[in-house]
């Protein structure tokens, strides 16, 4: 499946994944996220039609169903993309330069404030061993790195916690000088 500069094919880490067809520079938009619809009580997931809980995202308190190819985005503890929610619909953007044929991977805990955790086998040098349940459970070094990628709605919802992280980082950085 080829969709807007990416293709879906078998991943070396889990099931299918999304792979680039070209080069993307750091900060470049790779593609607009394919959101099928919002899941609500009156419009629940239809598993018989292939709509799976694993293909959902949770922006700003909503539950939305991601369609192909975005439903095949795998996790990595060393991601190369993030979801940019500063526009509607969101886009996938490069965190660093990405070579043709490279699998696109996001850290599932960016913009996540709770959920399930499962064993991680992403293969990254800095693999945490488990995905974890929340951005706020990440090691401080990860939280610092991901601050630039947090969505505006995530900042609004968790402003006090994020301010504590910033203060902690400022205090630690003073001790390093």
C-alpha atoms as a PDB file:
ATOM      1  CA  UNK A   1       0.000   0.000   0.000  1.00  0.00           C
ATOM      2  CA  UNK A   2       1.499   3.338  -1.093  1.00  0.00           C
ATOM      3  CA  UNK A   3       0.015   6.504   0.445  1.00  0.00           C
ATOM      4  CA  UNK A   4       1.487  10.028   0.264  1.00  0.00           C
ATOM      5  CA  UNK A   5       5.201   9.219   0.319  1.00  0.00           C
ATOM      6  CA  UNK A   6       4.957   6.149   2.545  1.00  0.00           C
ATOM      7  CA  UNK A   7       4.096   2.493   2.170  1.00  0.00           C
ATOM      8  CA  UNK A   8       2.869  -0.200   4.534  1.00  0.00           C
ATOM      9  CA  UNK A   9       4.851  -3.415   4.663  1.00  0.00           C
ATOM     10  CA  UNK A  10       6.029  -6.010   7.144  1.00  0.00           C
ATOM     11  CA  UNK A  11       8.023  -4.583  10.044  1.00  0.00           C
ATOM     12  CA  UNK A  12      11.046  -6.250  11.618  1.00  0.00           C
ATOM     13  CA  UNK A  13       9.736  -5.340  15.082  1.00  0.00           C
ATOM     14  CA  UNK A  14       5.981  -5.961  14.969  1.00  0.00           C
ATOM     15  CA  UNK A  15       3.414  -6.836  12.321  1.00  0.00           C
ATOM     16  CA  UNK A  16       3.179  -4.169   9.670  1.00  0.00           C
ATOM     17  CA  UNK A  17       4.812  -0.758   9.734  1.00  0.00           C
ATOM     18  CA  UNK A  18       4.965   2.483   7.759  1.00  0.00           C
ATOM     19  CA  UNK A  19       8.078   3.008   5.609  1.00  0.00           C
ATOM     20  CA  UNK A  20       9.230   6.103   3.737  1.00  0.00           C
ATOM     21  CA  UNK A  21       9.498   6.195  -0.041  1.00  0.00           C
ATOM     22  CA  UNK A  22      11.755   9.251   0.006  1.00  0.00           C
ATOM     23  CA  UNK A  23      13.977  11.429   2.154  1.00  0.00           C
ATOM     24  CA  UNK A  24      12.465  13.683   4.833  1.00  0.00           C
ATOM     25  CA  UNK A  25      14.358  16.470   6.592  1.00  0.00           C
ATOM     26  CA  UNK A  26      14.021  17.118  10.317  1.00  0.00           C
ATOM     27  CA  UNK A  27      10.833  19.108  10.970  1.00  0.00           C
ATOM     28  CA  UNK A  28       9.333  18.280   7.569  1.00  0.00           C
ATOM     29  CA  UNK A  29       5.720  17.176   7.321  1.00  0.00           C
ATOM     30  CA  UNK A  30       5.550  13.587   6.110  1.00  0.00           C
ATOM     31  CA  UNK A  31       1.808  13.240   5.739  1.00  0.00           C
ATOM     32  CA  UNK A  32      -1.597  14.227   7.084  1.00  0.00           C
ATOM     33  CA  UNK A  33      -2.968  11.679   9.544  1.00  0.00           C
ATOM     34  CA  UNK A  34      -5.872   9.660   8.170  1.00  0.00           C
ATOM     35  CA  UNK A  35      -8.557   9.945  10.836  1.00  0.00           C
ATOM     36  CA  UNK A  36     -11.570   7.813   9.954  1.00  0.00           C
ATOM     37  CA  UNK A  37     -13.872   9.181  12.645  1.00  0.00           C
ATOM     38  CA  UNK A  38     -14.343   9.874  16.322  1.00  0.00           C
ATOM     39  CA  UNK A  39     -15.476   6.915  18.396  1.00  0.00           C
ATOM     40  CA  UNK A  40     -18.455   7.734  20.575  1.00  0.00           C
ATOM     41  CA  UNK A  41     -21.184   5.852  22.430  1.00  0.00           C
ATOM     42  CA  UNK A  42     -23.428   6.280  19.401  1.00  0.00           C
ATOM     43  CA  UNK A  43     -20.643   5.336  16.965  1.00  0.00           C
ATOM     44  CA  UNK A  44     -18.536   2.633  18.691  1.00  0.00           C
ATOM     45  CA  UNK A  45     -15.760   0.616  17.121  1.00  0.00           C
ATOM     46  CA  UNK A  46     -16.898  -2.092  14.720  1.00  0.00           C
ATOM     47  CA  UNK A  47     -14.384  -4.940  15.247  1.00  0.00           C
ATOM     48  CA  UNK A  48     -16.118  -7.082  12.602  1.00  0.00           C
ATOM     49  CA  UNK A  49     -15.167  -4.351  10.100  1.00  0.00           C
ATOM     50  CA  UNK A  50     -11.522  -4.357  11.229  1.00  0.00           C
ATOM     51  CA  UNK A  51     -11.845  -1.365  13.573  1.00  0.00           C
ATOM     52  CA  UNK A  52      -9.497  -2.155  16.450  1.00  0.00           C
ATOM     53  CA  UNK A  53      -8.787  -0.463  19.768  1.00  0.00           C
ATOM     54  CA  UNK A  54      -5.079  -0.635  18.825  1.00  0.00           C
ATOM     55  CA  UNK A  55      -5.787   1.689  15.880  1.00  0.00           C
ATOM     56  CA  UNK A  56      -7.117   4.508  18.055  1.00  0.00           C
ATOM     57  CA  UNK A  57      -5.520   7.733  19.269  1.00  0.00           C
ATOM     58  CA  UNK A  58      -6.633   9.997  22.092  1.00  0.00           C
ATOM     59  CA  UNK A  59      -6.210  13.662  21.180  1.00  0.00           C
ATOM     60  CA  UNK A  60      -7.744  16.189  23.563  1.00  0.00           C
ATOM     61  CA  UNK A  61      -9.988  13.718  25.387  1.00  0.00           C
ATOM     62  CA  UNK A  62     -11.423  12.211  22.214  1.00  0.00           C
ATOM     63  CA  UNK A  63     -11.033   8.677  20.905  1.00  0.00           C
ATOM     64  CA  UNK A  64     -10.388   8.703  17.169  1.00  0.00           C
ATOM     65  CA  UNK A  65      -9.897   5.823  14.776  1.00  0.00           C
ATOM     66  CA  UNK A  66      -6.789   6.060  12.613  1.00  0.00           C
ATOM     67  CA  UNK A  67      -7.082   4.549   9.148  1.00  0.00           C
ATOM     68  CA  UNK A  68      -4.392   3.195   6.835  1.00  0.00           C
ATOM     69  CA  UNK A  69      -1.522   3.791   6.724  1.00  0.00           C
ATOM     70  CA  UNK A  70      -1.480   5.547  10.124  1.00  0.00           C
ATOM     71  CA  UNK A  71      -3.037   2.618  11.995  1.00  0.00           C
ATOM     72  CA  UNK A  72       0.213   0.731  11.279  1.00  0.00           C
ATOM     73  CA  UNK A  73       2.498   3.198  13.096  1.00  0.00           C
ATOM     74  CA  UNK A  74       4.718   1.239  15.466  1.00  0.00           C
ATOM     75  CA  UNK A  75       6.254   2.359  18.752  1.00  0.00           C
ATOM     76  CA  UNK A  76       9.920   3.033  19.423  1.00  0.00           C
ATOM     77  CA  UNK A  77      11.716   4.288  22.511  1.00  0.00           C
ATOM     78  CA  UNK A  78      13.882   6.177  19.996  1.00  0.00           C
ATOM     79  CA  UNK A  79      11.237   7.615  17.636  1.00  0.00           C
ATOM     80  CA  UNK A  80      11.888   9.385  14.362  1.00  0.00           C
ATOM     81  CA  UNK A  81       8.436  11.033  14.007  1.00  0.00           C
ATOM     82  CA  UNK A  82       5.773  12.689  16.138  1.00  0.00           C
ATOM     83  CA  UNK A  83       2.161  13.719  15.627  1.00  0.00           C
ATOM     84  CA  UNK A  84       1.875  17.473  15.249  1.00  0.00           C
ATOM     85  CA  UNK A  85      -1.505  18.554  16.630  1.00  0.00           C
ATOM     86  CA  UNK A  86      -1.045  22.281  15.928  1.00  0.00           C
ATOM     87  CA  UNK A  87      -3.276  21.877  12.892  1.00  0.00           C
ATOM     88  CA  UNK A  88      -6.459  19.976  12.163  1.00  0.00           C
ATOM     89  CA  UNK A  89      -6.236  17.219  11.087  1.00  0.00           C
ATOM     90  CA  UNK A  90      -2.844  16.479  12.649  1.00  0.00           C
ATOM     91  CA  UNK A  91       0.219  15.596  10.611  1.00  0.00           C
ATOM     92  CA  UNK A  92       3.152  13.260  11.054  1.00  0.00           C
ATOM     93  CA  UNK A  93       6.381  15.242  11.222  1.00  0.00           C
ATOM     94  CA  UNK A  94      10.056  14.138  11.187  1.00  0.00           C
ATOM     95  CA  UNK A  95      11.966  14.484  14.478  1.00  0.00           C
ATOM     96  CA  UNK A  96      15.247  14.033  12.600  1.00  0.00           C
ATOM     97  CA  UNK A  97      16.347  13.414   9.019  1.00  0.00           C
ATOM     98  CA  UNK A  98      14.795  10.172   7.742  1.00  0.00           C
ATOM     99  CA  UNK A  99      16.273   8.112   4.916  1.00  0.00           C
ATOM    100  CA  UNK A 100      14.260   6.430   2.142  1.00  0.00           C
ATOM    101  CA  UNK A 101      13.019   2.991   3.208  1.00  0.00           C
ATOM    102  CA  UNK A 102      13.266   3.745   6.939  1.00  0.00           C
ATOM    103  CA  UNK A 103      10.381   2.671   9.152  1.00  0.00           C
ATOM    104  CA  UNK A 104       8.521   5.551  10.778  1.00  0.00           C
ATOM    105  CA  UNK A 105       8.059   5.078  14.522  1.00  0.00           C
ATOM    106  CA  UNK A 106       6.584   7.217  17.278  1.00  0.00           C
ATOM    107  CA  UNK A 107       6.941   6.959  21.051  1.00  0.00           C
ATOM    108  CA  UNK A 108       3.398   6.112  22.108  1.00  0.00           C
ATOM    109  CA  UNK A 109       3.861   8.054  25.356  1.00  0.00           C
ATOM    110  CA  UNK A 110       4.225  11.472  23.722  1.00  0.00           C
ATOM    111  CA  UNK A 111       0.892  13.196  24.534  1.00  0.00           C
ATOM    112  CA  UNK A 112      -0.252  10.214  26.588  1.00  0.00           C
ATOM    113  CA  UNK A 113      -1.349  10.668  30.191  1.00  0.00           C
ATOM    114  CA  UNK A 114      -2.434   7.131  31.006  1.00  0.00           C
ATOM    115  CA  UNK A 115      -3.212   3.749  29.567  1.00  0.00           C
ATOM    116  CA  UNK A 116      -1.855   0.253  29.254  1.00  0.00           C
ATOM    117  CA  UNK A 117       1.787  -0.755  29.198  1.00  0.00           C
ATOM    118  CA  UNK A 118       3.222  -3.746  27.419  1.00  0.00           C
ATOM    119  CA  UNK A 119       6.607  -5.318  26.786  1.00  0.00           C
ATOM    120  CA  UNK A 120       8.629  -3.273  24.329  1.00  0.00           C
ATOM    121  CA  UNK A 121      10.831  -4.952  21.756  1.00  0.00           C
ATOM    122  CA  UNK A 122      11.491  -1.900  19.590  1.00  0.00           C
ATOM    123  CA  UNK A 123      15.183  -2.742  19.279  1.00  0.00           C
ATOM    124  CA  UNK A 124      16.336   0.818  20.028  1.00  0.00           C
ATOM    125  CA  UNK A 125      19.604   1.268  21.902  1.00  0.00           C
ATOM    126  CA  UNK A 126      17.673   3.070  24.627  1.00  0.00           C
ATOM    127  CA  UNK A 127      14.697   0.687  24.757  1.00  0.00           C
ATOM    128  CA  UNK A 128      12.928   0.997  28.107  1.00  0.00           C
ATOM    129  CA  UNK A 129      11.804  -2.685  28.053  1.00  0.00           C
ATOM    130  CA  UNK A 130       8.166  -1.627  28.492  1.00  0.00           C
ATOM    131  CA  UNK A 131       6.188   1.035  26.696  1.00  0.00           C
ATOM    132  CA  UNK A 132       5.006   2.571  29.970  1.00  0.00           C
ATOM    133  CA  UNK A 133       1.650   4.169  30.664  1.00  0.00           C
ATOM    134  CA  UNK A 134       2.208   7.938  30.594  1.00  0.00           C
ATOM    135  CA  UNK A 135       4.514  10.743  29.503  1.00  0.00           C
ATOM    136  CA  UNK A 136       4.805  11.582  33.203  1.00  0.00           C
ATOM    137  CA  UNK A 137       6.206   8.119  33.984  1.00  0.00           C
ATOM    138  CA  UNK A 138       9.045   8.501  31.484  1.00  0.00           C
ATOM    139  CA  UNK A 139      12.600   9.071  32.697  1.00  0.00           C
ATOM    140  CA  UNK A 140      13.294  12.806  33.039  1.00  0.00           C
ATOM    141  CA  UNK A 141      15.684  12.746  30.066  1.00  0.00           C
ATOM    142  CA  UNK A 142      12.864  11.497  27.816  1.00  0.00           C
ATOM    143  CA  UNK A 143      10.422  14.055  29.238  1.00  0.00           C
ATOM    144  CA  UNK A 144      12.916  16.827  28.491  1.00  0.00           C
ATOM    145  CA  UNK A 145      13.495  15.595  24.937  1.00  0.00           C
ATOM    146  CA  UNK A 146       9.755  15.290  24.244  1.00  0.00           C
ATOM    147  CA  UNK A 147       8.724  18.703  25.646  1.00  0.00           C
ATOM    148  CA  UNK A 148       9.082  20.210  22.161  1.00  0.00           C
ATOM    149  CA  UNK A 149       6.688  17.618  20.714  1.00  0.00           C
ATOM    150  CA  UNK A 150       3.810  17.915  23.168  1.00  0.00           C
ATOM    151  CA  UNK A 151       0.494  19.033  21.700  1.00  0.00           C
ATOM    152  CA  UNK A 152      -1.077  22.339  22.767  1.00  0.00           C
ATOM    153  CA  UNK A 153      -4.048  20.445  24.241  1.00  0.00           C
ATOM    154  CA  UNK A 154      -1.675  18.249  26.256  1.00  0.00           C
ATOM    155  CA  UNK A 155       0.040  21.358  27.679  1.00  0.00           C
ATOM    156  CA  UNK A 156      -3.324  22.872  28.637  1.00  0.00           C
ATOM    157  CA  UNK A 157      -4.536  19.712  30.346  1.00  0.00           C
ATOM    158  CA  UNK A 158      -1.291  19.102  32.260  1.00  0.00           C
ATOM    159  CA  UNK A 159       0.161  22.580  32.688  1.00  0.00           C
ATOM    160  CA  UNK A 160       1.005  22.175  36.394  1.00  0.00           C
ATOM    161  CA  UNK A 161       2.788  18.834  35.943  1.00  0.00           C
ATOM    162  CA  UNK A 162       4.743  20.147  32.945  1.00  0.00           C
ATOM    163  CA  UNK A 163       5.798  23.227  34.895  1.00  0.00           C
ATOM    164  CA  UNK A 164       7.159  20.977  37.667  1.00  0.00           C
ATOM    165  CA  UNK A 165       9.167  19.054  35.047  1.00  0.00           C
ATOM    166  CA  UNK A 166      10.562  22.325  33.661  1.00  0.00           C
ATOM    167  CA  UNK A 167      11.509  23.524  37.161  1.00  0.00           C
ATOM    168  CA  UNK A 168      13.186  20.200  37.936  1.00  0.00           C
ATOM    169  CA  UNK A 169      15.147  20.377  34.688  1.00  0.00           C
ATOM    170  CA  UNK A 170      16.183  23.996  35.352  1.00  0.00           C
ATOM    171  CA  UNK A 171      17.390  23.047  38.841  1.00  0.00           C
ATOM    172  CA  UNK A 172      19.351  20.058  37.509  1.00  0.00           C
ATOM    173  CA  UNK A 173      20.891  22.139  34.713  1.00  0.00           C
ATOM    174  CA  UNK A 174      22.079  24.761  37.264  1.00  0.00           C
ATOM    175  CA  UNK A 175      23.923  22.024  39.110  1.00  0.00           C
ATOM    176  CA  UNK A 176      25.710  21.038  35.885  1.00  0.00           C
ATOM    177  CA  UNK A 177      27.087  24.529  35.148  1.00  0.00           C
END
